[in-house]
Amino acid sequence: MSVPVDIDKYQSWLALDEDQLIEEHVPDKTIVRICRLRALYTYWCRFPSKSPREVIEYAMLQFRVQESEAYDDMHILKVIVGNLQESSKKFWRWRINQMIEEDRARAKRDGDHRSVAAMQKNLIKNNLTDKEDTPEMAFDKIVPLQIEPTDDPTVIGIKRIPNLRDKVKKMIRKYDAEYADFTEIPADDDGDTETVL
């Protein structure tokens, strides 16, 4: 079973060099793990198409760690830096823009004006500049519903029962064991007593 770690501390330690980690009195075993996490992150950035399982196998082979520890490292890495395979739309928009710009520069250099115009259309389409921006929701202007507790049933459409509280008190007196008359029957052979109301 893996030992729980303080993700916030690991996140702050990832940016520190080994001397700073020693100054922070980070245990040697944790420093080794932080260096391993950095190496795994670098490897994953170099090969972003690698699956988490492949990164885990790399960790086991490269750092001679058990499978459970490699899985824990992968979990910590995903929590701190995110899953590289779940790239955001912003990243892909930027990447597509880069590719279109490269193609546009090549087409412009070759004098292919039709391709340049097509690239411009693709840039506009990719960046959604031909569409209105979605209005931001004014969440700060939403007034929460004020709920006031009440014992008036008419607010939900039920007719009020006259003298309801008195009727409830009478029922409690009538059916409550405290007010009931009872006779205790002597114990039988089993030693149990019975109460008759």
Protein backbone atom coordinates (compact mmCIF):
# COMPACT_ATOMS: atom_id res chain seq x y z
CA MET A 1 0.00 0.00 0.00
CA SER A 2 1.40 3.41 -0.97
CA VAL A 3 2.22 6.03 1.63
CA PRO A 4 0.18 9.23 1.17
CA VAL A 5 2.24 12.26 0.16
CA ASP A 6 1.70 15.99 0.53
CA ILE A 7 1.20 16.98 -3.10
CA ASP A 8 1.60 20.71 -2.35
CA LYS A 9 5.04 20.10 -0.84
CA TYR A 10 6.09 17.92 -3.76
CA GLN A 11 4.91 20.60 -6.17
CA SER A 12 7.00 23.27 -4.44
CA TRP A 13 10.03 20.95 -4.17
CA LEU A 14 10.01 20.05 -7.89
CA ALA A 15 11.32 23.51 -8.76
CA LEU A 16 14.19 23.42 -6.24
CA ASP A 17 17.68 22.08 -6.92
CA GLU A 18 19.24 19.43 -4.68
CA ASP A 19 21.14 21.94 -2.49
CA GLN A 20 17.92 23.85 -1.80
CA LEU A 21 16.13 20.59 -0.98
CA ILE A 22 18.85 19.73 1.54
CA GLU A 23 18.51 23.23 3.07
CA GLU A 24 14.77 22.59 3.38
CA HIS A 25 15.62 19.39 5.35
CA VAL A 26 13.89 17.17 2.80
CA PRO A 27 14.70 13.49 3.51
CA ASP A 28 17.22 11.83 1.16
CA LYS A 29 14.67 9.26 -0.02
CA THR A 30 12.26 12.08 -0.99
CA ILE A 31 15.03 13.95 -2.84
CA VAL A 32 15.72 10.80 -4.88
CA ARG A 33 12.01 10.55 -5.68
CA ILE A 34 11.79 14.22 -6.71
CA CYS A 35 14.76 13.74 -9.07
CA ARG A 36 13.01 10.66 -10.46
CA LEU A 37 9.76 12.63 -10.97
CA ARG A 38 11.68 15.32 -12.87
CA ALA A 39 13.31 12.69 -15.07
CA LEU A 40 9.93 11.04 -15.77
CA TYR A 41 8.37 14.40 -16.61
CA THR A 42 11.23 15.21 -18.99
CA TYR A 43 10.91 11.79 -20.63
CA TRP A 44 7.15 12.21 -21.02
CA CYS A 45 7.57 15.70 -22.50
CA ARG A 46 10.06 14.29 -25.00
CA PHE A 47 7.66 11.53 -25.97
CA PRO A 48 4.13 12.88 -25.25
CA SER A 49 2.49 10.09 -27.24
CA LYS A 50 3.76 7.52 -24.72
CA SER A 51 0.96 6.09 -22.62
CA PRO A 52 1.14 6.28 -18.81
CA ARG A 53 1.79 2.52 -18.80
CA GLU A 54 4.84 3.00 -21.04
CA VAL A 55 6.15 5.74 -18.74
CA ILE A 56 5.67 3.41 -15.76
CA GLU A 57 7.60 0.65 -17.54
CA TYR A 58 10.35 3.17 -18.33
CA ALA A 59 10.52 4.14 -14.64
CA MET A 60 10.79 0.51 -13.56
CA LEU A 61 13.54 -0.19 -16.10
CA GLN A 62 15.49 3.05 -15.73
CA PHE A 63 15.29 3.59 -11.96
CA ARG A 64 14.90 0.00 -10.77
CA VAL A 65 11.74 0.72 -8.77
CA GLN A 66 8.88 -1.62 -7.98
CA GLU A 67 5.73 -1.42 -10.10
CA SER A 68 3.65 0.00 -7.22
CA GLU A 69 6.18 2.80 -6.66
CA ALA A 70 6.25 3.57 -10.39
CA TYR A 71 2.44 3.79 -10.38
CA ASP A 72 2.61 6.15 -7.36
CA ASP A 73 5.16 8.31 -9.19
CA MET A 74 2.89 8.44 -12.24
CA HIS A 75 -0.06 9.42 -10.06
CA ILE A 76 1.91 12.23 -8.39
CA LEU A 77 3.14 13.42 -11.77
CA LYS A 78 -0.38 13.50 -13.22
CA VAL A 79 -1.73 15.40 -10.22
CA ILE A 80 1.06 17.98 -10.29
CA VAL A 81 1.53 18.57 -14.03
CA GLY A 82 -1.58 17.00 -15.52
CA ASN A 83 -2.01 14.28 -18.09
CA LEU A 84 -0.06 15.23 -21.20
CA GLN A 85 -2.38 13.17 -23.38
CA GLU A 86 -5.34 15.30 -22.38
CA SER A 87 -4.03 18.46 -24.01
CA SER A 88 -6.26 21.48 -23.81
CA LYS A 89 -7.96 23.15 -26.73
CA LYS A 90 -5.72 26.19 -26.23
CA PHE A 91 -2.61 24.08 -26.82
CA TRP A 92 -4.02 22.54 -29.98
CA ARG A 93 -5.23 25.92 -31.22
CA TRP A 94 -1.71 27.25 -30.73
CA ARG A 95 -0.17 24.18 -32.44
CA ILE A 96 -2.52 24.44 -35.42
CA ASN A 97 -1.75 28.16 -35.68
CA GLN A 98 1.97 27.31 -35.78
CA MET A 99 1.47 24.75 -38.56
CA ILE A 100 -0.74 27.11 -40.59
CA GLU A 101 1.82 29.91 -40.20
CA GLU A 102 4.60 27.60 -41.44
CA ASP A 103 2.50 26.55 -44.44
CA ARG A 104 1.48 30.17 -45.12
CA ALA A 105 5.11 31.36 -45.06
CA ARG A 106 6.08 28.58 -47.49
CA ALA A 107 3.15 29.39 -49.82
CA LYS A 108 3.98 33.12 -49.68
CA ARG A 109 7.64 32.38 -50.47
CA ASP A 110 6.57 30.21 -53.43
CA GLY A 111 4.17 32.92 -54.66
CA ASP A 112 1.10 30.69 -54.24
CA HIS A 113 -1.43 33.41 -53.37
CA ARG A 114 -4.42 31.07 -53.43
CA SER A 115 -2.86 28.90 -50.73
CA VAL A 116 -2.04 32.02 -48.70
CA ALA A 117 -5.72 33.08 -48.85
CA ALA A 118 -6.81 29.56 -47.89
CA MET A 119 -4.41 29.62 -44.93
CA GLN A 120 -5.88 32.96 -43.82
CA LYS A 121 -9.35 31.39 -43.84
CA ASN A 122 -8.05 28.45 -41.81
CA LEU A 123 -6.46 30.81 -39.29
CA ILE A 124 -9.73 32.69 -38.90
CA LYS A 125 -11.65 29.42 -38.53
CA ASN A 126 -9.17 27.94 -36.03
CA ASN A 127 -9.15 31.04 -33.81
CA LEU A 128 -12.93 31.57 -34.10
CA THR A 129 -12.37 35.25 -34.93
CA ASP A 130 -15.30 35.11 -37.34
CA LYS A 131 -17.70 34.45 -34.47
CA GLU A 132 -18.91 36.56 -31.60
CA ASP A 133 -17.20 35.94 -28.29
CA THR A 134 -19.38 34.08 -25.84
CA PRO A 135 -20.52 36.59 -23.24
CA GLU A 136 -19.09 36.04 -19.83
CA MET A 137 -21.65 35.14 -17.24
CA ALA A 138 -22.16 37.82 -14.62
CA PHE A 139 -22.07 35.44 -11.68
CA ASP A 140 -21.38 38.33 -9.30
CA LYS A 141 -24.78 39.81 -10.15
CA ILE A 142 -26.74 36.65 -9.29
CA VAL A 143 -28.67 37.22 -6.09
CA PRO A 144 -29.12 34.06 -4.03
CA LEU A 145 -32.67 33.07 -3.17
CA GLN A 146 -33.56 34.11 0.36
CA ILE A 147 -35.29 31.20 2.11
CA GLU A 148 -37.15 31.93 5.31
CA PRO A 149 -38.30 28.95 7.37
CA THR A 150 -42.00 28.94 8.27
CA ASP A 151 -44.53 26.59 9.83
CA ASP A 152 -47.35 28.04 7.73
CA PRO A 153 -48.54 25.26 5.36
CA THR A 154 -50.49 27.71 3.19
CA VAL A 155 -47.23 28.80 1.46
CA ILE A 156 -47.17 25.42 -0.34
CA GLY A 157 -50.92 25.29 -0.94
CA ILE A 158 -52.05 23.16 2.02
CA LYS A 159 -55.02 24.33 4.10
CA ARG A 160 -54.27 25.14 7.70
CA ILE A 161 -55.80 22.76 10.29
CA PRO A 162 -57.32 24.76 13.13
CA ASN A 163 -55.87 24.08 16.63
CA LEU A 164 -53.35 21.58 15.22
CA ARG A 165 -50.89 21.99 18.08
CA ASP A 166 -53.58 21.19 20.67
CA LYS A 167 -54.63 18.09 18.69
CA VAL A 168 -50.99 16.93 18.55
CA LYS A 169 -50.62 17.36 22.33
CA LYS A 170 -53.81 15.34 22.94
CA MET A 171 -52.58 12.53 20.69
CA ILE A 172 -49.23 12.46 22.48
CA ARG A 173 -50.99 12.20 25.86
CA LYS A 174 -53.35 9.52 24.55
CA TYR A 175 -50.71 7.26 22.96
CA ASP A 176 -47.59 8.00 24.97
CA ALA A 177 -46.56 5.09 27.24
CA GLU A 178 -45.81 7.54 30.03
CA TYR A 179 -49.52 8.26 30.42
CA ALA A 180 -50.79 4.73 29.66
CA ASP A 181 -52.28 2.53 32.39
CA PHE A 182 -50.61 -0.85 32.60
CA THR A 183 -50.58 -3.96 34.82
CA GLU A 184 -47.42 -5.96 35.38
CA ILE A 185 -47.87 -9.76 35.17
CA PRO A 186 -45.62 -11.88 37.38
CA ALA A 187 -42.65 -13.71 35.82
CA ASP A 188 -43.21 -17.11 34.22
CA ASP A 189 -40.80 -20.06 34.27
CA ASP A 190 -38.40 -18.34 31.83
CA GLY A 191 -37.99 -15.41 34.19
CA ASP A 192 -39.58 -12.97 31.72
CA THR A 193 -42.18 -10.47 32.86
CA GLU A 194 -44.95 -9.26 30.61
CA THR A 195 -46.54 -5.88 30.60
CA VAL A 196 -50.18 -5.55 29.58
CA LEU A 197 -51.43 -2.15 28.58
